[in-house]
Amino acid sequence: MWCWHALFGLVFGPASGAAWALSVVFLVLTLRALLIRPFLVQIRSGRALQVLAPQLADLRRRHKDNPQRLVEGTRALYTEHGVRPSRASCPHSCRSRCSSGCCTC
């Protein structure tokens, strides 16, 4: 944010409220631009998990008494279809890291 504030501070003056407001707006736009790719990965992964949901339900029904076999079957199903469920939370973790980095007091 400081780089945006320095840039807008040259135009509007460093103590100007407009410089601060524009720096916040451009910080948000910059973060959104950086998170487009992880967002698309999240969407693709979520769709793949929705397609696999009936097969996962069938696995849970068949192996409800044996958690070890359920984990192995789930892992095999994910591997077979090239799905990684951890990708569904990537943008959220990136946003939380950026937010915590920006809000240091």
C-alpha atoms as a PDB file:
ATOM      1  CA  MET A   1       0.000   0.000   0.000  1.00  0.00           C
ATOM      2  CA  TRP A   2       2.888   2.314   0.688  1.00  0.00           C
ATOM      3  CA  CYS A   3       3.964   2.230  -2.964  1.00  0.00           C
ATOM      4  CA  TRP A   4       0.475   3.270  -4.108  1.00  0.00           C
ATOM      5  CA  HIS A   5       0.392   5.965  -1.440  1.00  0.00           C
ATOM      6  CA  ALA A   6       3.798   7.252  -2.509  1.00  0.00           C
ATOM      7  CA  LEU A   7       2.637   7.402  -6.126  1.00  0.00           C
ATOM      8  CA  PHE A   8      -0.614   9.190  -5.355  1.00  0.00           C
ATOM      9  CA  GLY A   9       1.152  11.326  -2.762  1.00  0.00           C
ATOM     10  CA  LEU A  10       3.256  12.844  -5.534  1.00  0.00           C
ATOM     11  CA  VAL A  11       0.091  13.924  -7.330  1.00  0.00           C
ATOM     12  CA  PHE A  12      -2.211  14.921  -4.453  1.00  0.00           C
ATOM     13  CA  GLY A  13       0.266  15.498  -1.624  1.00  0.00           C
ATOM     14  CA  PRO A  14       1.301  12.910   1.001  1.00  0.00           C
ATOM     15  CA  ALA A  15      -1.170  14.098   3.653  1.00  0.00           C
ATOM     16  CA  SER A  16      -4.109  14.212   1.266  1.00  0.00           C
ATOM     17  CA  GLY A  17      -7.124  12.051   1.999  1.00  0.00           C
ATOM     18  CA  ALA A  18      -7.509  11.418  -1.722  1.00  0.00           C
ATOM     19  CA  ALA A  19      -4.049   9.845  -1.842  1.00  0.00           C
ATOM     20  CA  TRP A  20      -4.967   7.493   1.003  1.00  0.00           C
ATOM     21  CA  ALA A  21      -8.344   6.619  -0.490  1.00  0.00           C
ATOM     22  CA  LEU A  22      -6.904   5.905  -3.929  1.00  0.00           C
ATOM     23  CA  SER A  23      -4.074   3.864  -2.438  1.00  0.00           C
ATOM     24  CA  VAL A  24      -6.599   1.645  -0.639  1.00  0.00           C
ATOM     25  CA  VAL A  25      -8.685   1.250  -3.802  1.00  0.00           C
ATOM     26  CA  PHE A  26      -5.665   0.366  -5.918  1.00  0.00           C
ATOM     27  CA  LEU A  27      -4.383  -2.029  -3.255  1.00  0.00           C
ATOM     28  CA  VAL A  28      -7.682  -3.916  -3.453  1.00  0.00           C
ATOM     29  CA  LEU A  29      -7.543  -3.945  -7.261  1.00  0.00           C
ATOM     30  CA  THR A  30      -3.943  -5.194  -7.186  1.00  0.00           C
ATOM     31  CA  LEU A  31      -4.802  -8.030  -4.803  1.00  0.00           C
ATOM     32  CA  ARG A  32      -7.804  -9.022  -6.903  1.00  0.00           C
ATOM     33  CA  ALA A  33      -5.651  -9.104 -10.035  1.00  0.00           C
ATOM     34  CA  LEU A  34      -3.085 -11.279  -8.264  1.00  0.00           C
ATOM     35  CA  LEU A  35      -5.782 -13.678  -7.032  1.00  0.00           C
ATOM     36  CA  ILE A  36      -7.486 -14.301 -10.389  1.00  0.00           C
ATOM     37  CA  ARG A  37      -5.474 -17.440 -11.142  1.00  0.00           C
ATOM     38  CA  PRO A  38      -5.987 -19.057  -7.701  1.00  0.00           C
ATOM     39  CA  PHE A  39      -9.683 -18.174  -7.963  1.00  0.00           C
ATOM     40  CA  LEU A  40      -9.957 -20.002 -11.295  1.00  0.00           C
ATOM     41  CA  VAL A  41      -8.166 -23.008  -9.796  1.00  0.00           C
ATOM     42  CA  GLN A  42     -10.660 -22.976  -6.925  1.00  0.00           C
ATOM     43  CA  ILE A  43     -13.607 -22.904  -9.332  1.00  0.00           C
ATOM     44  CA  ARG A  44     -12.258 -25.809 -11.394  1.00  0.00           C
ATOM     45  CA  SER A  45     -11.517 -27.856  -8.301  1.00  0.00           C
ATOM     46  CA  GLY A  46     -14.955 -27.182  -6.847  1.00  0.00           C
ATOM     47  CA  ARG A  47     -16.629 -28.286 -10.071  1.00  0.00           C
ATOM     48  CA  ALA A  48     -14.550 -31.455 -10.176  1.00  0.00           C
ATOM     49  CA  LEU A  49     -15.534 -32.238  -6.586  1.00  0.00           C
ATOM     50  CA  GLN A  50     -19.202 -31.745  -7.486  1.00  0.00           C
ATOM     51  CA  VAL A  51     -18.848 -34.216 -10.348  1.00  0.00           C
ATOM     52  CA  LEU A  52     -17.252 -36.741  -7.990  1.00  0.00           C
ATOM     53  CA  ALA A  53     -19.847 -36.252  -5.238  1.00  0.00           C
ATOM     54  CA  PRO A  54     -22.058 -39.223  -6.256  1.00  0.00           C
ATOM     55  CA  GLN A  55     -19.049 -41.535  -6.414  1.00  0.00           C
ATOM     56  CA  LEU A  56     -17.850 -40.293  -3.029  1.00  0.00           C
ATOM     57  CA  ALA A  57     -21.306 -40.908  -1.564  1.00  0.00           C
ATOM     58  CA  ASP A  58     -21.188 -44.440  -2.937  1.00  0.00           C
ATOM     59  CA  LEU A  59     -17.745 -44.963  -1.365  1.00  0.00           C
ATOM     60  CA  ARG A  60     -19.006 -43.675   1.981  1.00  0.00           C
ATOM     61  CA  ARG A  61     -21.990 -45.999   1.817  1.00  0.00           C
ATOM     62  CA  ARG A  62     -19.875 -49.039   0.928  1.00  0.00           C
ATOM     63  CA  HIS A  63     -17.088 -48.391   3.440  1.00  0.00           C
ATOM     64  CA  LYS A  64     -18.987 -46.795   6.322  1.00  0.00           C
ATOM     65  CA  ASP A  65     -17.656 -49.425   8.743  1.00  0.00           C
ATOM     66  CA  ASN A  66     -14.030 -49.264   7.598  1.00  0.00           C
ATOM     67  CA  PRO A  67     -12.528 -45.751   7.680  1.00  0.00           C
ATOM     68  CA  GLN A  68      -9.159 -46.999   6.411  1.00  0.00           C
ATOM     69  CA  ARG A  69     -10.702 -48.366   3.194  1.00  0.00           C
ATOM     70  CA  LEU A  70     -12.764 -45.184   2.830  1.00  0.00           C
ATOM     71  CA  VAL A  71      -9.639 -43.023   2.970  1.00  0.00           C
ATOM     72  CA  GLU A  72      -7.827 -45.275   0.493  1.00  0.00           C
ATOM     73  CA  GLY A  73     -10.789 -45.309  -1.895  1.00  0.00           C
ATOM     74  CA  THR A  74     -11.238 -41.552  -1.679  1.00  0.00           C
ATOM     75  CA  ARG A  75      -7.550 -40.966  -2.308  1.00  0.00           C
ATOM     76  CA  ALA A  76      -7.607 -43.358  -5.283  1.00  0.00           C
ATOM     77  CA  LEU A  77     -10.678 -41.624  -6.731  1.00  0.00           C
ATOM     78  CA  TYR A  78      -9.071 -38.196  -6.409  1.00  0.00           C
ATOM     79  CA  THR A  79      -5.850 -39.447  -7.981  1.00  0.00           C
ATOM     80  CA  GLU A  80      -7.693 -41.156 -10.829  1.00  0.00           C
ATOM     81  CA  HIS A  81      -9.521 -37.945 -11.743  1.00  0.00           C
ATOM     82  CA  GLY A  82      -6.644 -35.556 -10.979  1.00  0.00           C
ATOM     83  CA  VAL A  83      -8.505 -33.700  -8.241  1.00  0.00           C
ATOM     84  CA  ARG A  84      -6.830 -32.059  -5.275  1.00  0.00           C
ATOM     85  CA  PRO A  85      -9.379 -30.930  -2.680  1.00  0.00           C
ATOM     86  CA  SER A  86      -6.859 -28.635  -1.009  1.00  0.00           C
ATOM     87  CA  ARG A  87      -6.993 -26.373  -4.073  1.00  0.00           C
ATOM     88  CA  ALA A  88     -10.534 -25.392  -3.188  1.00  0.00           C
ATOM     89  CA  SER A  89      -9.280 -23.241  -0.291  1.00  0.00           C
ATOM     90  CA  CYS A  90      -6.258 -21.633  -1.956  1.00  0.00           C
ATOM     91  CA  PRO A  91      -7.671 -18.131  -2.560  1.00  0.00           C
ATOM     92  CA  HIS A  92      -9.056 -17.971   0.955  1.00  0.00           C
ATOM     93  CA  SER A  93      -5.663 -18.707   2.482  1.00  0.00           C
ATOM     94  CA  CYS A  94      -3.996 -16.181   0.169  1.00  0.00           C
ATOM     95  CA  ARG A  95      -6.523 -13.495   1.091  1.00  0.00           C
ATOM     96  CA  SER A  96      -6.133 -14.128   4.797  1.00  0.00           C
ATOM     97  CA  ARG A  97      -2.337 -13.862   4.544  1.00  0.00           C
ATOM     98  CA  CYS A  98      -2.594 -10.605   2.599  1.00  0.00           C
ATOM     99  CA  SER A  99      -5.131  -9.192   5.028  1.00  0.00           C
ATOM    100  CA  SER A 100      -3.063 -10.066   8.061  1.00  0.00           C
ATOM    101  CA  GLY A 101       0.004  -8.524   6.412  1.00  0.00           C
ATOM    102  CA  CYS A 102      -1.829  -5.293   5.614  1.00  0.00           C
ATOM    103  CA  CYS A 103      -3.416  -4.877   9.035  1.00  0.00           C
ATOM    104  CA  THR A 104      -0.347  -4.786  11.256  1.00  0.00           C
ATOM    105  CA  CYS A 105      -0.667  -2.161  13.938  1.00  0.00           C
END
